[in-house]
Amino acid sequence: MSVEVEPLRTLTVFAGLSDGQLERVAAVLKRHAIPAGMEVLTEGEKSTSLFVLARGSVGTSKRLGLAVRGPMDAAKQKFLFPAKS
């Protein structure tokens, strides 16, 4: 799915870019629909990606305790900004 230039104009991160620059940014962006409840990023994961939420809501959580304890579970994380239902 291609990304339209117009919605990018409303995002602060792209403020000040010319039409040509916005078109180049839009040309390399990829649109993804993420199912509800699916984890997008994991704390500590390295990435070279930029995620822009176009619609919907997300929740964020913070790991509690030592990071080497294994996979996160509900008892080992605190929800900082819960997703709206």
N, C-alpha and C. Protein backbone atom coordinates (compact mmCIF):
# COMPACT_ATOMS: atom_id res chain seq x y z
N MET A 1 0.84 -1.18 0.00
CA MET A 1 0.00 0.00 0.00
C MET A 1 0.88 1.25 0.00
N SER A 2 0.59 2.17 -0.85
CA SER A 2 1.38 3.40 -0.89
C SER A 2 0.87 4.38 0.16
N VAL A 3 1.72 5.32 0.50
CA VAL A 3 1.39 6.33 1.50
C VAL A 3 1.18 7.66 0.80
N GLU A 4 0.10 8.34 1.16
CA GLU A 4 -0.21 9.65 0.56
C GLU A 4 0.62 10.74 1.24
N VAL A 5 0.92 11.79 0.49
CA VAL A 5 1.74 12.89 1.00
C VAL A 5 0.95 13.79 1.96
N GLU A 6 -0.33 14.08 1.66
CA GLU A 6 -1.11 15.03 2.45
C GLU A 6 -1.11 14.75 3.95
N PRO A 7 -1.38 13.52 4.41
CA PRO A 7 -1.37 13.28 5.85
C PRO A 7 -0.01 13.55 6.51
N LEU A 8 1.06 13.41 5.76
CA LEU A 8 2.40 13.65 6.31
C LEU A 8 2.59 15.11 6.69
N ARG A 9 1.92 16.00 5.99
CA ARG A 9 2.05 17.45 6.25
C ARG A 9 1.61 17.81 7.67
N THR A 10 0.73 17.02 8.26
CA THR A 10 0.19 17.34 9.58
C THR A 10 1.10 16.86 10.71
N LEU A 11 2.13 16.12 10.40
CA LEU A 11 3.01 15.55 11.43
C LEU A 11 4.21 16.44 11.68
N THR A 12 4.43 16.78 12.95
CA THR A 12 5.52 17.67 13.34
C THR A 12 6.87 17.16 12.85
N VAL A 13 7.07 15.85 12.86
CA VAL A 13 8.37 15.29 12.47
C VAL A 13 8.72 15.65 11.02
N PHE A 14 7.71 15.92 10.19
CA PHE A 14 7.95 16.26 8.79
C PHE A 14 7.77 17.75 8.51
N ALA A 15 7.59 18.57 9.54
CA ALA A 15 7.40 20.01 9.37
C ALA A 15 8.62 20.62 8.68
N GLY A 16 8.36 21.52 7.77
CA GLY A 16 9.45 22.22 7.09
C GLY A 16 9.95 21.53 5.84
N LEU A 17 9.47 20.33 5.55
CA LEU A 17 9.90 19.65 4.33
C LEU A 17 9.15 20.20 3.13
N SER A 18 9.83 20.29 2.02
CA SER A 18 9.20 20.77 0.78
C SER A 18 8.31 19.66 0.21
N ASP A 19 7.50 20.01 -0.79
CA ASP A 19 6.65 19.02 -1.44
C ASP A 19 7.49 17.88 -2.01
N GLY A 20 8.58 18.21 -2.63
CA GLY A 20 9.46 17.19 -3.21
C GLY A 20 10.04 16.27 -2.15
N GLN A 21 10.45 16.84 -1.02
CA GLN A 21 10.99 16.03 0.06
C GLN A 21 9.92 15.12 0.65
N LEU A 22 8.71 15.65 0.84
CA LEU A 22 7.61 14.83 1.35
C LEU A 22 7.28 13.69 0.38
N GLU A 23 7.34 13.95 -0.90
CA GLU A 23 7.09 12.91 -1.90
C GLU A 23 8.14 11.81 -1.81
N ARG A 24 9.39 12.19 -1.57
CA ARG A 24 10.46 11.18 -1.42
C ARG A 24 10.26 10.36 -0.16
N VAL A 25 9.84 11.02 0.93
CA VAL A 25 9.57 10.29 2.17
C VAL A 25 8.41 9.32 1.94
N ALA A 26 7.32 9.80 1.35
CA ALA A 26 6.15 8.96 1.11
C ALA A 26 6.50 7.76 0.23
N ALA A 27 7.42 7.94 -0.69
CA ALA A 27 7.79 6.86 -1.61
C ALA A 27 8.47 5.68 -0.91
N VAL A 28 9.10 5.92 0.23
CA VAL A 28 9.80 4.83 0.94
C VAL A 28 9.02 4.31 2.14
N LEU A 29 7.91 4.97 2.48
CA LEU A 29 7.10 4.50 3.60
C LEU A 29 6.25 3.30 3.17
N LYS A 30 5.99 2.43 4.13
CA LYS A 30 5.13 1.27 3.89
C LYS A 30 3.99 1.31 4.90
N ARG A 31 2.79 1.14 4.41
CA ARG A 31 1.61 1.13 5.27
C ARG A 31 1.34 -0.30 5.71
N HIS A 32 1.10 -0.47 7.01
CA HIS A 32 0.79 -1.78 7.57
C HIS A 32 -0.44 -1.67 8.46
N ALA A 33 -1.31 -2.63 8.35
CA ALA A 33 -2.46 -2.73 9.27
C ALA A 33 -2.06 -3.76 10.33
N ILE A 34 -2.07 -3.35 11.57
CA ILE A 34 -1.67 -4.22 12.68
C ILE A 34 -2.93 -4.67 13.41
N PRO A 35 -3.12 -5.98 13.56
CA PRO A 35 -4.30 -6.47 14.28
C PRO A 35 -4.30 -6.02 15.75
N ALA A 36 -5.49 -5.82 16.30
CA ALA A 36 -5.62 -5.43 17.70
C ALA A 36 -4.93 -6.45 18.60
N GLY A 37 -4.20 -5.96 19.57
CA GLY A 37 -3.52 -6.82 20.53
C GLY A 37 -2.16 -7.32 20.09
N MET A 38 -1.78 -7.05 18.86
CA MET A 38 -0.47 -7.50 18.37
C MET A 38 0.63 -6.57 18.87
N GLU A 39 1.73 -7.15 19.33
CA GLU A 39 2.87 -6.37 19.79
C GLU A 39 3.62 -5.84 18.57
N VAL A 40 3.90 -4.54 18.56
CA VAL A 40 4.60 -3.91 17.44
C VAL A 40 6.09 -3.84 17.72
N LEU A 41 6.46 -3.40 18.90
CA LEU A 41 7.84 -3.30 19.32
C LEU A 41 8.00 -3.90 20.70
N THR A 42 9.18 -4.39 20.99
CA THR A 42 9.50 -4.92 22.31
C THR A 42 10.57 -4.04 22.93
N GLU A 43 10.41 -3.72 24.19
CA GLU A 43 11.40 -2.90 24.89
C GLU A 43 12.79 -3.48 24.72
N GLY A 44 13.74 -2.63 24.35
CA GLY A 44 15.12 -3.05 24.18
C GLY A 44 15.45 -3.51 22.76
N GLU A 45 14.44 -3.69 21.94
CA GLU A 45 14.65 -4.13 20.55
C GLU A 45 15.30 -3.00 19.75
N LYS A 46 16.30 -3.33 18.97
CA LYS A 46 16.94 -2.34 18.12
C LYS A 46 16.21 -2.28 16.78
N SER A 47 16.05 -1.07 16.27
CA SER A 47 15.33 -0.90 15.02
C SER A 47 15.85 0.33 14.29
N THR A 48 15.73 0.30 13.00
CA THR A 48 16.04 1.47 12.19
C THR A 48 14.76 2.01 11.55
N SER A 49 13.63 1.59 12.09
CA SER A 49 12.33 1.97 11.54
C SER A 49 11.72 3.13 12.31
N LEU A 50 10.86 3.86 11.63
CA LEU A 50 10.05 4.91 12.23
C LEU A 50 8.61 4.46 12.07
N PHE A 51 7.86 4.42 13.16
CA PHE A 51 6.46 4.02 13.11
C PHE A 51 5.60 5.26 13.32
N VAL A 52 4.63 5.45 12.46
CA VAL A 52 3.70 6.57 12.56
C VAL A 52 2.30 5.98 12.69
N LEU A 53 1.63 6.28 13.77
CA LEU A 53 0.28 5.79 13.99
C LEU A 53 -0.68 6.68 13.23
N ALA A 54 -1.33 6.12 12.22
CA ALA A 54 -2.25 6.90 11.39
C ALA A 54 -3.68 6.83 11.92
N ARG A 55 -4.02 5.72 12.56
CA ARG A 55 -5.39 5.55 13.06
C ARG A 55 -5.36 4.51 14.17
N GLY A 56 -6.22 4.69 15.16
CA GLY A 56 -6.30 3.73 16.25
C GLY A 56 -5.55 4.21 17.48
N SER A 57 -5.20 3.29 18.35
CA SER A 57 -4.47 3.64 19.56
C SER A 57 -3.51 2.52 19.92
N VAL A 58 -2.52 2.85 20.71
CA VAL A 58 -1.54 1.87 21.16
C VAL A 58 -1.37 2.00 22.66
N GLY A 59 -0.89 0.95 23.27
CA GLY A 59 -0.54 0.99 24.67
C GLY A 59 0.96 0.82 24.80
N THR A 60 1.51 1.30 25.89
CA THR A 60 2.93 1.12 26.14
C THR A 60 3.12 0.52 27.52
N SER A 61 4.18 -0.26 27.67
CA SER A 61 4.46 -0.85 28.97
C SER A 61 5.95 -0.78 29.24
N LYS A 62 6.30 -0.91 30.50
CA LYS A 62 7.70 -0.86 30.95
C LYS A 62 8.00 -2.14 31.68
N ARG A 63 9.09 -2.78 31.31
CA ARG A 63 9.54 -3.99 32.01
C ARG A 63 9.91 -3.68 33.44
N LEU A 64 9.60 -4.56 34.34
CA LEU A 64 9.96 -4.41 35.74
C LEU A 64 11.05 -5.43 36.07
N GLY A 65 12.00 -5.06 36.88
CA GLY A 65 13.06 -5.99 37.27
C GLY A 65 14.16 -6.07 36.24
N LEU A 66 14.94 -7.12 36.32
CA LEU A 66 16.08 -7.29 35.43
C LEU A 66 15.64 -7.72 34.03
N ALA A 67 16.29 -7.15 33.03
CA ALA A 67 15.93 -7.44 31.65
C ALA A 67 16.30 -8.86 31.25
N VAL A 68 17.16 -9.53 31.99
CA VAL A 68 17.62 -10.86 31.60
C VAL A 68 16.70 -11.98 32.09
N ARG A 69 15.57 -11.63 32.66
CA ARG A 69 14.68 -12.64 33.23
C ARG A 69 13.87 -13.42 32.21
N GLY A 70 13.94 -13.11 30.97
CA GLY A 70 13.18 -13.86 29.97
C GLY A 70 12.02 -13.05 29.45
N PRO A 71 11.11 -13.72 28.75
CA PRO A 71 9.99 -13.03 28.11
C PRO A 71 9.13 -12.27 29.12
N MET A 72 8.58 -11.18 28.66
CA MET A 72 7.72 -10.37 29.52
C MET A 72 6.40 -11.11 29.74
N ASP A 73 5.83 -10.97 30.91
CA ASP A 73 4.48 -11.44 31.16
C ASP A 73 3.78 -10.37 31.99
N ALA A 74 2.50 -10.52 32.20
CA ALA A 74 1.72 -9.48 32.87
C ALA A 74 2.27 -9.14 34.25
N ALA A 75 2.85 -10.12 34.96
CA ALA A 75 3.36 -9.88 36.30
C ALA A 75 4.66 -9.10 36.30
N LYS A 76 5.34 -9.00 35.15
CA LYS A 76 6.65 -8.36 35.09
C LYS A 76 6.64 -7.07 34.28
N GLN A 77 5.49 -6.49 34.06
CA GLN A 77 5.45 -5.24 33.31
C GLN A 77 4.39 -4.31 33.88
N LYS A 78 4.61 -3.02 33.68
CA LYS A 78 3.66 -2.01 34.12
C LYS A 78 3.17 -1.28 32.88
N PHE A 79 1.86 -1.17 32.75
CA PHE A 79 1.30 -0.45 31.62
C PHE A 79 1.32 1.04 31.92
N LEU A 80 2.03 1.79 31.07
CA LEU A 80 2.20 3.23 31.29
C LEU A 80 1.12 4.04 30.60
N PHE A 81 0.70 3.58 29.45
CA PHE A 81 -0.30 4.27 28.66
C PHE A 81 -1.15 3.20 28.00
N PRO A 82 -2.19 2.74 28.68
CA PRO A 82 -2.98 1.64 28.12
C PRO A 82 -3.70 2.03 26.84
N ALA A 83 -3.84 1.07 25.96
CA ALA A 83 -4.60 1.28 24.72
C ALA A 83 -6.05 1.52 25.10
N LYS A 84 -6.70 2.40 24.35
CA LYS A 84 -8.12 2.66 24.57
C LYS A 84 -8.91 1.51 23.98
N SER A 85 -10.00 1.14 24.63
CA SER A 85 -10.81 0.05 24.09
C SER A 85 -12.00 0.56 23.34
